[in-house]
Structures are given as C-alpha cells and as structure tokens.
Amino acid sequence: MGRIHYDRDRVEETMDRIVERTKRMDMSWDWPCGVAYYGLAEAYEVTKKEGYLEFLKERVDELIELGLPAWTVNTCAMGHCLITLYQATGEEQYMDIIRSKTEYLRKDALRFGDHVLQHTVSANNDFPEQCWADTLFMAAFFLLRVGVMTKDEELTGDALNQYYWHIQYLQDENTGLWYHGYNNITKDHMSGFYWGRANCWAAYTMSKVGLILPECYLYPQYLEIVGSLNEQLSALKLLQTEKGLWRTILNDGESYEELSASAGIAAAMTLKGNPLHIKYIEKSIEGVLAHVAADGRVTEVSGGTAVMKDRDGYRNISKKWIQGWGQGMALAFLAAVLNYDNIAGDGAL
C-alpha cells in the first residue's frame, strides 16, 4: 500500500500539546466541544494514553452533572466521545445519553423530503428544510457508529440514508466538490460556494464508513458513498496549496488557507488508504504541524460559519481565535497518520 514518511515523535509531541491546550478551553455541551472531544477520543484510541481518557471522563462527567441541554443536530456531536467513554468504562450513564440522542434523531428531529435531517442549531426552526454538510459529522456519523455498536439495523439504515441524500443534494457531480448547504424550499444551494469545512465534514465522515460498517460492500448506499468520496478526493487533491492546505473557499485563490478543513480533508485521504494520496498526505502533515503554536493552539481556524450570503461572507470570517473544531480535526488527522499502517483500504471500491 505504500508508507507515509513522517517523524512519529514529533507528531506525538504535537498531539500532547494540542490535547493540553484543549483541556484549558471552557466548552459546554455543543458541537465545538463535540468535535474537540471527538479528536481527543481518536487520539486516545490510537495512543492509549490514559491521561487523555481520564481528562475526557472528568470533564464529561462534570458537564453531565451541570445538566444537559435540549437536543439539536449540533448538540448530538457530543455523542461521539460518549461512545468512546462507554466502550472504555462500561458505565451505563454514557449509554443512557447515547440512547436519548438517538431517540431524538429517530423520532423528534426535524426532517424533510426522503426523511432527510434538517440542520438544527437551537430549539427553533432556524433553517427550514435545509440540509448542511455539517449534519454528516454531528448526526449521521454518530447514528452509524451507534447502529453498528448496538447492531441496530434501523439506525444503520437511517444513517446510510442521510449520507445518500446529502450526496444527492450537496455534491456537484461536475466538479466532485460539495456545496455547504441545500434549501429544499427554493431548490438551490443558496450562495452556492464550495466551502472548505463542508468538504471536510463530508470527506472525513465518508472515509470512516467503510472502516466501521461490517460487510459495507453489501449495502447499496455504501457504494454511493465510496463513489462520492473517490470523486471528491480526486478533485480536492488538485486544490491543495503549496503549504499542504486547503482554502476556506476551495477554488478561490484569494481566500485564506483554513486549518480545520485542511486537517479533515487530509484525514480523509489518510483513512481512505489510496497510495496515490501519500504525497498529498505528507505535504499536509507538514502544513498542519506548522500551524500548531507552542502552547498547542491550532491556528488559522475559521469561526463558526452559517451558509453565508456571498463570497465576502466566507472570506471575512475571523480566523484569529482558538476553536474546538480546529483542535479536534487536527487531532483526528494526526491520529489517522499514526494509525496509517493499520488501516485496511476498501480494495477496488
């Protein structure tokens, strides 16, 4: 399959710094924390450093004690670290919350069309009949993980249905790239930009499906997923910058390079296991490591971004501050790099 060449000690030391800086962040029960702690959980799964798990358990237990919010698509992102905590400790309190989240997504979450999850960020109907690529990470990937873990074929089927329809609504077959969102009322992609982090959410979560779904090749929706991912990655590799990164508007040479998108896209390439991507992955390793500050802050990460109205809306999002999703996706990428030799590709698919 080919091997990635990198300095393992440097990667592990950088991960330690990112984790330590992430510990200092005062994140509550929502998607920034969900993505950050997902990355921390991935780092634990690969390194088995007990300190990572101990912090995760201590902080999540504190958040549970303080009280849980109403569920939305975005708050379901915290379900990822609960899966890791449940599998590591066997404590039922984590499974109880996982079940609560899956029941919300199964029965109460807003949907449209072919049972597609509407993206929600609050208890309000913020974005009527809109699907966003973000939902794949926050909800569909979570449903898939729970479905596989509990052998619940209904949940697994729902998750795969989300992937299938998000592909139909959001991927541009002419370019292979993904739009940020789709409005089912107006039947359009709104401003219609290829936002970097949307492509990260899509590529990263699609690259995980074949790795966690037993006999994935027996599911017709998986064949749609792998076809979509192959097209997307073949397009994304051509848009990688000289620094090994990707821009916040992928095909706009005047928009800034953005680290959460870059880490997620590079992680997808790493998990896909295609040897033709090794040179791009190695370039990304250097690009991401160069944007981790001495204190472990991942730099150049854009702030929370709705489907913006125009080009300037995306290009002017601040990238000054530390963000949970930047910390989390950097950890997910570096964990995938450390685990590359253990990843089985999907063969001819």
Protein backbone atom coordinates (compact mmCIF):
# COMPACT_ATOMS: atom_id res chain seq x y z
CA MET A 1 0.00 0.00 0.00
CA GLY A 2 2.95 2.32 0.48
CA ARG A 3 4.02 4.06 3.68
CA ILE A 4 3.78 7.61 4.96
CA HIS A 5 7.13 9.11 5.92
CA TYR A 6 6.97 11.37 8.97
CA ASP A 7 8.56 11.95 12.37
CA ARG A 8 6.43 9.92 14.78
CA ASP A 9 7.94 11.51 17.89
CA ARG A 10 7.18 14.98 16.53
CA VAL A 11 3.58 14.03 15.75
CA GLU A 12 3.01 12.51 19.20
CA GLU A 13 4.58 15.51 20.95
CA THR A 14 2.38 17.85 18.93
CA MET A 15 -0.71 15.84 19.83
CA ASP A 16 0.20 16.13 23.51
CA ARG A 17 0.41 19.91 23.16
CA ILE A 18 -2.91 20.12 21.32
CA VAL A 19 -4.60 17.99 24.00
CA GLU A 20 -3.15 20.08 26.83
CA ARG A 21 -4.36 23.31 25.22
CA THR A 22 -7.78 21.79 24.53
CA LYS A 23 -8.13 20.91 28.22
CA ARG A 24 -8.00 24.63 29.06
CA MET A 25 -10.94 25.50 26.82
CA ASP A 26 -14.24 26.21 28.59
CA MET A 27 -16.51 24.44 26.12
CA SER A 28 -20.03 23.38 27.05
CA TRP A 29 -22.28 20.67 25.59
CA ASP A 30 -22.45 21.63 21.91
CA TRP A 31 -20.73 20.96 18.62
CA PRO A 32 -17.43 22.81 19.28
CA CYS A 33 -16.89 20.59 22.30
CA GLY A 34 -18.24 17.60 20.39
CA VAL A 35 -15.66 17.92 17.63
CA ALA A 36 -12.82 18.76 20.04
CA TYR A 37 -13.54 15.79 22.26
CA TYR A 38 -14.04 13.51 19.26
CA GLY A 39 -10.48 14.35 18.24
CA LEU A 40 -9.28 13.75 21.78
CA ALA A 41 -11.08 10.39 21.81
CA GLU A 42 -9.45 9.45 18.49
CA ALA A 43 -6.08 10.38 19.95
CA TYR A 44 -6.77 8.11 22.91
CA GLU A 45 -7.90 5.22 20.70
CA VAL A 46 -4.62 5.31 18.77
CA THR A 47 -2.13 6.12 21.55
CA LYS A 48 -3.96 4.55 24.53
CA LYS A 49 -2.63 7.34 26.73
CA GLU A 50 -4.69 7.07 29.88
CA GLY A 51 -4.32 10.76 30.63
CA TYR A 52 -6.38 11.58 27.53
CA LEU A 53 -9.21 9.31 28.68
CA GLU A 54 -9.04 10.49 32.29
CA PHE A 55 -9.50 14.11 31.27
CA LEU A 56 -12.31 13.23 28.89
CA LYS A 57 -14.16 11.32 31.60
CA GLU A 58 -13.63 14.00 34.24
CA ARG A 59 -14.85 16.85 32.02
CA VAL A 60 -17.81 14.97 30.51
CA ASP A 61 -18.93 13.84 33.96
CA GLU A 62 -18.78 17.47 35.10
CA LEU A 63 -20.90 18.58 32.13
CA ILE A 64 -23.44 15.83 32.83
CA GLU A 65 -23.66 16.91 36.46
CA LEU A 66 -24.26 20.53 35.42
CA GLY A 67 -27.23 19.45 33.28
CA LEU A 68 -27.76 18.57 29.63
CA PRO A 69 -29.25 20.89 27.01
CA ALA A 70 -32.15 20.24 24.66
CA TRP A 71 -31.03 18.07 21.77
CA THR A 72 -30.37 19.50 18.33
CA VAL A 73 -28.38 18.13 15.41
CA ASN A 74 -25.39 20.12 16.66
CA THR A 75 -25.60 19.03 20.31
CA CYS A 76 -25.63 15.40 19.16
CA ALA A 77 -21.95 15.84 18.21
CA MET A 78 -21.07 15.15 21.86
CA GLY A 79 -22.33 11.62 21.31
CA HIS A 80 -19.02 10.67 19.72
CA CYS A 81 -16.96 10.98 22.89
CA LEU A 82 -19.73 9.22 24.83
CA ILE A 83 -19.25 6.17 22.61
CA THR A 84 -15.56 6.10 23.48
CA LEU A 85 -16.27 6.58 27.20
CA TYR A 86 -18.90 3.85 27.22
CA GLN A 87 -16.66 1.38 25.40
CA ALA A 88 -13.72 2.18 27.70
CA THR A 89 -15.58 2.18 31.02
CA GLY A 90 -18.84 0.29 30.50
CA GLU A 91 -20.68 2.94 32.55
CA GLU A 92 -24.37 2.96 31.71
CA GLN A 93 -24.79 6.72 32.22
CA TYR A 94 -23.00 7.25 28.90
CA MET A 95 -25.15 4.71 27.09
CA ASP A 96 -28.30 6.27 28.55
CA ILE A 97 -27.39 9.61 26.97
CA ILE A 98 -26.43 7.94 23.69
CA ARG A 99 -29.88 6.32 23.60
CA SER A 100 -31.52 9.65 24.37
CA LYS A 101 -29.70 11.31 21.47
CA THR A 102 -30.54 8.52 19.03
CA GLU A 103 -34.20 8.59 20.05
CA TYR A 104 -34.27 12.33 19.45
CA LEU A 105 -32.75 11.91 16.00
CA ARG A 106 -35.02 8.97 15.22
CA LYS A 107 -38.33 10.44 16.39
CA ASP A 108 -38.18 14.18 17.10
CA ALA A 109 -35.55 15.83 14.91
CA LEU A 110 -36.92 17.93 12.04
CA ARG A 111 -36.84 16.18 8.68
CA PHE A 112 -37.92 16.82 5.10
CA GLY A 113 -38.20 15.03 1.78
CA ASP A 114 -36.89 11.47 1.94
CA HIS A 115 -36.54 11.53 5.73
CA VAL A 116 -33.52 13.85 5.50
CA LEU A 117 -32.38 15.51 8.72
CA GLN A 118 -32.75 19.29 8.71
CA HIS A 119 -29.74 21.01 10.20
CA THR A 120 -30.64 22.48 13.60
CA VAL A 121 -28.55 24.59 15.95
CA SER A 122 -31.21 25.51 18.54
CA ALA A 123 -34.72 24.58 19.62
CA ASN A 124 -36.03 26.94 16.93
CA ASN A 125 -36.66 26.08 13.32
CA ASP A 126 -33.60 28.07 12.27
CA PHE A 127 -33.09 26.78 8.74
CA PRO A 128 -36.37 25.35 7.37
CA GLU A 129 -35.82 22.35 5.07
CA GLN A 130 -32.10 22.99 4.75
CA CYS A 131 -29.52 20.23 4.77
CA TRP A 132 -25.92 21.13 5.56
CA ALA A 133 -22.79 19.03 5.19
CA ASP A 134 -22.19 19.67 8.91
CA THR A 135 -25.05 17.27 9.74
CA LEU A 136 -23.00 14.33 8.49
CA PHE A 137 -20.48 14.74 11.30
CA MET A 138 -22.84 15.86 14.04
CA ALA A 139 -25.62 13.32 13.46
CA ALA A 140 -25.33 10.82 10.56
CA PHE A 141 -21.85 9.57 11.51
CA PHE A 142 -22.99 9.34 15.14
CA LEU A 143 -26.09 7.32 14.14
CA LEU A 144 -23.91 4.98 12.11
CA ARG A 145 -21.50 4.40 14.97
CA VAL A 146 -24.34 3.65 17.39
CA GLY A 147 -26.13 1.44 14.87
CA VAL A 148 -23.02 -0.67 14.34
CA MET A 149 -22.17 -0.77 18.05
CA THR A 150 -25.67 -1.90 19.08
CA LYS A 151 -26.33 -3.97 15.94
CA ASP A 152 -29.41 -1.85 15.26
CA GLU A 153 -30.02 -2.16 11.52
CA GLU A 154 -32.72 0.51 11.61
CA LEU A 155 -30.27 3.08 12.94
CA THR A 156 -27.60 1.97 10.49
CA GLY A 157 -30.06 2.24 7.63
CA ASP A 158 -31.13 5.72 8.72
CA ALA A 159 -27.50 6.84 8.89
CA LEU A 160 -26.76 5.50 5.41
CA ASN A 161 -29.91 7.18 4.12
CA GLN A 162 -28.59 10.51 5.44
CA TYR A 163 -25.32 10.01 3.59
CA TYR A 164 -27.13 9.04 0.40
CA TRP A 165 -29.38 12.10 0.31
CA HIS A 166 -26.74 14.56 1.44
CA ILE A 167 -24.66 13.35 -1.51
CA GLN A 168 -27.58 13.93 -3.89
CA TYR A 169 -28.30 17.39 -2.52
CA LEU A 170 -24.81 18.73 -1.87
CA GLN A 171 -22.23 17.19 -4.20
CA ASP A 172 -21.63 18.83 -7.58
CA GLU A 173 -21.18 15.93 -9.98
CA ASN A 174 -19.40 18.20 -12.45
CA THR A 175 -16.60 19.08 -10.04
CA GLY A 176 -16.75 16.39 -7.34
CA LEU A 177 -16.82 19.13 -4.70
CA TRP A 178 -19.52 19.74 -2.09
CA TYR A 179 -21.64 22.80 -1.53
CA HIS A 180 -22.17 23.97 2.05
CA GLY A 181 -25.95 23.65 2.09
CA TYR A 182 -29.13 22.97 0.14
CA ASN A 183 -32.51 24.67 0.55
CA ASN A 184 -35.32 22.26 -0.28
CA ILE A 185 -37.89 25.08 -0.39
CA THR A 186 -36.10 27.14 -3.02
CA LYS A 187 -34.43 24.07 -4.60
CA ASP A 188 -30.97 25.63 -4.68
CA HIS A 189 -27.61 25.76 -2.88
CA MET A 190 -28.24 29.31 -1.70
CA SER A 191 -24.99 31.26 -2.25
CA GLY A 192 -23.50 28.12 -3.82
CA PHE A 193 -19.88 28.08 -2.64
CA TYR A 194 -17.56 25.12 -2.18
CA TRP A 195 -16.80 25.82 1.47
CA GLY A 196 -13.70 24.08 2.78
CA ARG A 197 -15.05 22.83 6.10
CA ALA A 198 -18.22 21.47 4.46
CA ASN A 199 -15.97 19.33 2.27
CA CYS A 200 -14.07 18.29 5.40
CA TRP A 201 -17.27 17.12 7.11
CA ALA A 202 -18.28 15.15 4.04
CA ALA A 203 -14.92 13.62 3.18
CA TYR A 204 -13.94 12.73 6.74
CA THR A 205 -17.19 11.05 7.68
CA MET A 206 -17.49 9.20 4.36
CA SER A 207 -13.94 7.88 4.78
CA LYS A 208 -14.98 6.37 8.11
CA VAL A 209 -17.98 4.40 6.87
CA GLY A 210 -16.11 1.51 5.29
CA LEU A 211 -13.84 1.22 8.32
CA ILE A 212 -16.64 0.76 10.85
CA LEU A 213 -19.51 -0.84 8.88
CA PRO A 214 -19.16 -4.64 8.73
CA GLU A 215 -19.55 -6.04 5.21
CA CYS A 216 -20.02 -2.49 3.93
CA TYR A 217 -19.98 -3.74 0.32
CA LEU A 218 -23.36 -5.40 0.89
CA TYR A 219 -25.09 -2.04 1.40
CA PRO A 220 -26.08 -0.27 -1.85
CA GLN A 221 -25.82 3.12 -0.09
CA TYR A 222 -22.19 2.41 0.72
CA LEU A 223 -21.38 2.05 -2.95
CA GLU A 224 -22.85 5.53 -3.41
CA ILE A 225 -20.73 6.82 -0.53
CA VAL A 226 -17.47 5.37 -1.80
CA GLY A 227 -18.14 6.62 -5.32
CA SER A 228 -18.83 10.09 -3.95
CA LEU A 229 -15.69 10.06 -1.82
CA ASN A 230 -13.48 8.88 -4.68
CA GLU A 231 -14.70 11.75 -6.87
CA GLN A 232 -14.35 14.28 -4.09
CA LEU A 233 -10.81 13.33 -3.11
CA SER A 234 -9.64 13.25 -6.72
CA ALA A 235 -10.90 16.84 -7.05
CA LEU A 236 -9.59 18.03 -3.68
CA LYS A 237 -6.02 16.87 -4.29
CA LEU A 238 -5.78 19.31 -7.20
CA LEU A 239 -6.77 22.20 -4.92
CA GLN A 240 -4.15 21.58 -2.24
CA THR A 241 -1.93 24.64 -1.78
CA GLU A 242 1.86 24.67 -1.78
CA LYS A 243 1.73 24.65 2.03
CA GLY A 244 -0.22 21.36 2.05
CA LEU A 245 -3.50 23.05 3.00
CA TRP A 246 -6.91 23.93 1.54
CA ARG A 247 -8.69 27.27 1.33
CA THR A 248 -11.91 28.29 3.06
CA ILE A 249 -13.45 28.64 -0.42
CA LEU A 250 -11.71 25.76 -2.11
CA ASN A 251 -11.48 27.12 -5.64
CA ASP A 252 -10.89 30.78 -4.72
CA GLY A 253 -7.19 31.62 -4.78
CA GLU A 254 -7.83 34.83 -2.85
CA SER A 255 -9.50 33.15 0.14
CA TYR A 256 -7.35 32.15 3.10
CA GLU A 257 -5.98 28.71 3.93
CA GLU A 258 -8.03 27.19 6.75
CA LEU A 259 -6.76 24.57 9.17
CA SER A 260 -9.88 22.68 10.31
CA ALA A 261 -10.88 21.99 6.71
CA SER A 262 -7.30 21.10 5.79
CA ALA A 263 -6.94 18.66 8.68
CA GLY A 264 -10.27 16.98 7.95
CA ILE A 265 -9.60 16.61 4.23
CA ALA A 266 -6.09 15.27 4.85
CA ALA A 267 -7.51 12.86 7.44
CA ALA A 268 -9.99 11.57 4.87
CA MET A 269 -7.16 10.90 2.43
CA THR A 270 -5.24 9.11 5.19
CA LEU A 271 -8.21 6.93 6.15
CA LYS A 272 -9.05 6.15 2.53
CA GLY A 273 -5.71 4.39 2.16
CA ASN A 274 -5.11 5.15 -1.52
CA PRO A 275 -1.30 5.06 -2.08
CA LEU A 276 -1.63 7.75 -4.76
CA HIS A 277 -2.59 10.16 -1.98
CA ILE A 278 0.55 9.64 0.11
CA LYS A 279 2.40 12.62 -1.36
CA TYR A 280 -0.56 14.88 -0.54
CA ILE A 281 -0.85 13.47 2.98
CA GLU A 282 2.85 14.01 3.68
CA LYS A 283 2.54 17.59 2.47
CA SER A 284 -0.44 18.09 4.79
CA ILE A 285 1.43 16.69 7.79
CA GLU A 286 3.97 19.47 7.43
CA GLY A 287 1.26 22.05 6.76
CA VAL A 288 -0.76 21.17 9.85
CA LEU A 289 2.23 20.79 12.18
CA ALA A 290 3.45 24.22 11.09
CA HIS A 291 0.17 25.70 12.35
CA VAL A 292 0.27 24.37 15.91
CA ALA A 293 1.51 27.06 18.28
CA ALA A 294 3.97 26.31 21.08
CA ASP A 295 1.10 26.12 23.57
CA GLY A 296 -0.88 23.66 21.42
CA ARG A 297 -3.33 26.08 19.82
CA VAL A 298 -4.20 25.16 16.24
CA THR A 299 -4.00 28.45 14.36
CA GLU A 300 -5.77 29.83 11.28
CA VAL A 301 -9.10 28.15 12.07
CA SER A 302 -12.21 29.96 10.86
CA GLY A 303 -15.02 30.75 13.28
CA GLY A 304 -18.48 29.20 13.24
CA THR A 305 -19.93 29.66 9.77
CA ALA A 306 -23.52 29.56 8.57
CA VAL A 307 -24.32 29.30 4.85
CA MET A 308 -23.10 32.80 4.08
CA LYS A 309 -24.79 35.15 1.62
CA ASP A 310 -21.80 35.81 -0.60
CA ARG A 311 -18.08 35.30 -1.24
CA ASP A 312 -17.04 38.01 1.20
CA GLY A 313 -19.16 36.41 3.89
CA TYR A 314 -16.92 33.33 3.82
CA ARG A 315 -13.65 35.16 3.19
CA ASN A 316 -14.14 37.56 6.11
CA ILE A 317 -14.92 35.02 8.84
CA SER A 318 -12.34 35.58 11.59
CA LYS A 319 -9.56 33.02 11.98
CA LYS A 320 -7.89 34.69 14.94
CA TRP A 321 -9.20 32.61 17.84
CA ILE A 322 -8.80 29.05 19.08
CA GLN A 323 -11.75 26.83 18.08
CA GLY A 324 -12.78 23.39 19.30
CA TRP A 325 -13.26 22.08 15.78
CA GLY A 326 -9.74 23.11 14.83
CA GLN A 327 -8.28 21.30 17.84
CA GLY A 328 -10.44 18.24 17.21
CA MET A 329 -9.84 17.84 13.49
CA ALA A 330 -6.09 18.32 13.90
CA LEU A 331 -6.08 15.53 16.49
CA ALA A 332 -8.22 13.31 14.24
CA PHE A 333 -5.79 13.82 11.36
CA LEU A 334 -2.66 13.16 13.41
CA ALA A 335 -4.28 10.09 14.98
CA ALA A 336 -5.06 8.76 11.49
CA VAL A 337 -1.44 9.36 10.47
CA LEU A 338 -0.16 7.39 13.48
CA ASN A 339 -2.55 4.57 12.63
CA TYR A 340 -1.97 4.55 8.86
CA ASP A 341 -0.17 1.21 8.73
CA ASN A 342 -3.15 -0.46 10.45
CA ILE A 343 -5.80 0.91 8.10
CA ALA A 344 -7.22 -1.55 5.59
CA GLY A 345 -8.27 0.14 2.37
CA ASP A 346 -11.52 -0.71 0.60
CA GLY A 347 -9.81 -2.56 -2.24
CA ALA A 348 -11.26 -1.97 -5.67
CA LEU A 349 -14.23 0.08 -4.42
